[in-house]
Amino acid sequence: MNAKIETNRLILRPLIEEDVTPIFRMATEASHFTYQPDLPPSTVNEMESLIQWSKSCNQRNTPEKIYKFNLAFV
């Protein structure tokens, strides 16, 4: 599924390769993972792998079954 939701001030869309650097910067800020059980990605390559994983999960989704649904907030 290639979902996209758009309003005047917000876009929700699947992650794309161009998101790697901005998401990596955000995720590696000191306080970003304060209230999350996960650890931040340690390298840009790790973030690339996470985005590829997200994309492959989204591609498996169907209207009948959602495996994993990740969207970028823009």
N, C-alpha and C. Protein backbone atom coordinates (compact mmCIF):
# COMPACT_ATOMS: atom_id res chain seq x y z
N MET A 1 0.84 -1.18 0.00
CA MET A 1 0.00 0.00 0.00
C MET A 1 0.89 1.24 0.00
N ASN A 2 0.51 2.19 -0.79
CA ASN A 2 1.27 3.42 -0.90
C ASN A 2 0.41 4.57 -0.40
N ALA A 3 0.17 4.59 0.91
CA ALA A 3 -0.74 5.56 1.51
C ALA A 3 -0.13 6.94 1.57
N LYS A 4 -0.96 7.93 1.38
CA LYS A 4 -0.54 9.31 1.55
C LYS A 4 -1.76 10.11 1.99
N ILE A 5 -1.57 10.86 3.07
CA ILE A 5 -2.63 11.71 3.60
C ILE A 5 -2.07 13.12 3.63
N GLU A 6 -2.81 14.05 3.04
CA GLU A 6 -2.29 15.41 2.95
C GLU A 6 -3.35 16.42 3.35
N THR A 7 -2.94 17.37 4.21
CA THR A 7 -3.79 18.50 4.57
C THR A 7 -3.02 19.78 4.22
N ASN A 8 -3.57 20.92 4.56
CA ASN A 8 -2.88 22.18 4.28
C ASN A 8 -1.55 22.30 5.01
N ARG A 9 -1.44 21.68 6.18
CA ARG A 9 -0.23 21.85 7.00
C ARG A 9 0.54 20.55 7.25
N LEU A 10 0.05 19.42 6.81
CA LEU A 10 0.67 18.16 7.17
C LEU A 10 0.59 17.16 6.02
N ILE A 11 1.66 16.40 5.84
CA ILE A 11 1.67 15.30 4.88
C ILE A 11 2.12 14.05 5.63
N LEU A 12 1.37 12.98 5.53
CA LEU A 12 1.76 11.67 6.02
C LEU A 12 1.99 10.81 4.78
N ARG A 13 3.21 10.24 4.69
CA ARG A 13 3.53 9.46 3.50
C ARG A 13 4.54 8.38 3.87
N PRO A 14 4.67 7.37 3.03
CA PRO A 14 5.68 6.35 3.29
C PRO A 14 7.09 6.95 3.32
N LEU A 15 7.96 6.33 4.07
CA LEU A 15 9.35 6.77 4.12
C LEU A 15 10.02 6.55 2.77
N ILE A 16 10.96 7.44 2.44
CA ILE A 16 11.72 7.33 1.20
C ILE A 16 13.21 7.48 1.51
N GLU A 17 14.06 7.15 0.55
CA GLU A 17 15.50 7.19 0.76
C GLU A 17 15.99 8.58 1.19
N GLU A 18 15.36 9.62 0.68
CA GLU A 18 15.77 10.98 1.02
C GLU A 18 15.52 11.33 2.48
N ASP A 19 14.77 10.49 3.20
CA ASP A 19 14.50 10.71 4.61
C ASP A 19 15.65 10.26 5.52
N VAL A 20 16.60 9.52 4.98
CA VAL A 20 17.66 8.93 5.81
C VAL A 20 18.39 9.98 6.64
N THR A 21 18.95 10.99 6.01
CA THR A 21 19.77 11.97 6.73
C THR A 21 18.94 12.79 7.74
N PRO A 22 17.79 13.35 7.35
CA PRO A 22 17.03 14.11 8.35
C PRO A 22 16.56 13.26 9.53
N ILE A 23 16.14 12.03 9.27
CA ILE A 23 15.69 11.18 10.37
C ILE A 23 16.87 10.78 11.25
N PHE A 24 18.02 10.49 10.63
CA PHE A 24 19.21 10.15 11.42
C PHE A 24 19.60 11.31 12.33
N ARG A 25 19.58 12.53 11.79
CA ARG A 25 19.91 13.71 12.62
C ARG A 25 18.96 13.84 13.80
N MET A 26 17.67 13.69 13.53
CA MET A 26 16.67 13.81 14.59
C MET A 26 16.85 12.68 15.61
N ALA A 27 17.03 11.46 15.14
CA ALA A 27 17.11 10.30 16.04
C ALA A 27 18.36 10.30 16.90
N THR A 28 19.39 10.99 16.46
CA THR A 28 20.63 11.00 17.23
C THR A 28 20.78 12.24 18.11
N GLU A 29 19.75 13.08 18.18
CA GLU A 29 19.76 14.18 19.14
C GLU A 29 19.72 13.58 20.54
N ALA A 30 20.40 14.20 21.47
CA ALA A 30 20.58 13.63 22.81
C ALA A 30 19.28 13.23 23.50
N SER A 31 18.25 14.02 23.40
CA SER A 31 17.02 13.74 24.15
C SER A 31 15.96 12.98 23.35
N HIS A 32 16.24 12.65 22.10
CA HIS A 32 15.20 12.04 21.25
C HIS A 32 14.66 10.73 21.81
N PHE A 33 15.52 9.88 22.35
CA PHE A 33 15.08 8.57 22.82
C PHE A 33 14.87 8.52 24.34
N THR A 34 14.71 9.66 24.97
CA THR A 34 14.55 9.72 26.42
C THR A 34 13.41 8.83 26.91
N TYR A 35 12.27 8.86 26.24
CA TYR A 35 11.09 8.13 26.69
C TYR A 35 10.75 6.95 25.79
N GLN A 36 11.71 6.46 25.06
CA GLN A 36 11.50 5.32 24.18
C GLN A 36 12.40 4.17 24.62
N PRO A 37 11.92 2.95 24.50
CA PRO A 37 12.75 1.82 24.92
C PRO A 37 13.83 1.45 23.90
N ASP A 38 13.71 1.94 22.68
CA ASP A 38 14.67 1.61 21.64
C ASP A 38 15.96 2.40 21.80
N LEU A 39 16.99 1.94 21.14
CA LEU A 39 18.24 2.69 21.08
C LEU A 39 18.30 3.44 19.76
N PRO A 40 18.96 4.59 19.73
CA PRO A 40 19.06 5.33 18.47
C PRO A 40 19.94 4.57 17.49
N PRO A 41 19.74 4.81 16.20
CA PRO A 41 20.62 4.18 15.21
C PRO A 41 22.05 4.69 15.41
N SER A 42 23.02 3.82 15.22
CA SER A 42 24.40 4.24 15.47
C SER A 42 25.09 4.74 14.20
N THR A 43 24.54 4.41 13.03
CA THR A 43 25.15 4.85 11.78
C THR A 43 24.06 5.21 10.78
N VAL A 44 24.45 5.96 9.77
CA VAL A 44 23.52 6.28 8.68
C VAL A 44 23.11 5.00 7.96
N ASN A 45 24.05 4.06 7.82
CA ASN A 45 23.72 2.78 7.17
C ASN A 45 22.64 2.02 7.93
N GLU A 46 22.68 2.09 9.25
CA GLU A 46 21.64 1.45 10.04
C GLU A 46 20.29 2.11 9.77
N MET A 47 20.27 3.44 9.64
CA MET A 47 19.03 4.14 9.34
C MET A 47 18.54 3.77 7.94
N GLU A 48 19.45 3.65 6.98
CA GLU A 48 19.07 3.22 5.63
C GLU A 48 18.40 1.85 5.68
N SER A 49 18.96 0.95 6.47
CA SER A 49 18.38 -0.40 6.60
C SER A 49 16.99 -0.34 7.22
N LEU A 50 16.81 0.51 8.22
CA LEU A 50 15.49 0.65 8.83
C LEU A 50 14.45 1.17 7.84
N ILE A 51 14.85 2.12 7.02
CA ILE A 51 13.92 2.66 6.02
C ILE A 51 13.60 1.60 4.96
N GLN A 52 14.59 0.83 4.54
CA GLN A 52 14.34 -0.25 3.58
C GLN A 52 13.40 -1.29 4.18
N TRP A 53 13.61 -1.62 5.46
CA TRP A 53 12.72 -2.55 6.15
C TRP A 53 11.29 -2.01 6.19
N SER A 54 11.16 -0.73 6.51
CA SER A 54 9.84 -0.10 6.55
C SER A 54 9.16 -0.16 5.19
N LYS A 55 9.93 0.14 4.15
CA LYS A 55 9.37 0.12 2.80
C LYS A 55 8.92 -1.30 2.42
N SER A 56 9.71 -2.31 2.77
CA SER A 56 9.33 -3.68 2.41
C SER A 56 8.09 -4.12 3.19
N CYS A 57 7.97 -3.68 4.45
CA CYS A 57 6.75 -3.98 5.22
C CYS A 57 5.54 -3.33 4.58
N ASN A 58 5.68 -2.04 4.22
CA ASN A 58 4.55 -1.34 3.59
C ASN A 58 4.14 -1.99 2.27
N GLN A 59 5.11 -2.51 1.52
CA GLN A 59 4.80 -3.15 0.24
C GLN A 59 4.03 -4.45 0.43
N ARG A 60 4.22 -5.11 1.56
CA ARG A 60 3.49 -6.35 1.84
C ARG A 60 2.06 -6.09 2.29
N ASN A 61 1.78 -4.89 2.77
CA ASN A 61 0.44 -4.58 3.29
C ASN A 61 -0.61 -4.68 2.19
N THR A 62 -1.76 -5.13 2.59
CA THR A 62 -2.93 -5.16 1.71
C THR A 62 -4.10 -4.58 2.49
N PRO A 63 -5.20 -4.26 1.83
CA PRO A 63 -6.36 -3.80 2.59
C PRO A 63 -6.85 -4.84 3.60
N GLU A 64 -6.57 -6.13 3.33
CA GLU A 64 -7.02 -7.19 4.22
C GLU A 64 -6.06 -7.45 5.39
N LYS A 65 -4.77 -7.14 5.21
CA LYS A 65 -3.79 -7.42 6.26
C LYS A 65 -2.70 -6.37 6.27
N ILE A 66 -2.49 -5.77 7.44
CA ILE A 66 -1.43 -4.80 7.63
C ILE A 66 -0.33 -5.48 8.45
N TYR A 67 0.86 -5.57 7.88
CA TYR A 67 2.00 -6.18 8.58
C TYR A 67 2.68 -5.16 9.48
N LYS A 68 2.96 -4.03 8.93
CA LYS A 68 3.58 -2.92 9.65
C LYS A 68 3.28 -1.69 8.82
N PHE A 69 2.93 -0.60 9.47
CA PHE A 69 2.52 0.59 8.73
C PHE A 69 3.28 1.78 9.29
N ASN A 70 4.30 2.22 8.59
CA ASN A 70 5.13 3.35 9.01
C ASN A 70 4.95 4.49 8.02
N LEU A 71 4.75 5.67 8.55
CA LEU A 71 4.62 6.85 7.70
C LEU A 71 5.53 7.96 8.22
N ALA A 72 6.00 8.78 7.30
CA ALA A 72 6.77 9.97 7.66
C ALA A 72 5.78 11.12 7.87
N PHE A 73 6.05 11.94 8.86
CA PHE A 73 5.28 13.16 9.10
C PHE A 73 6.08 14.31 8.52
N VAL A 74 5.50 15.01 7.55
CA VAL A 74 6.20 16.13 6.90
C VAL A 74 5.42 17.41 7.14
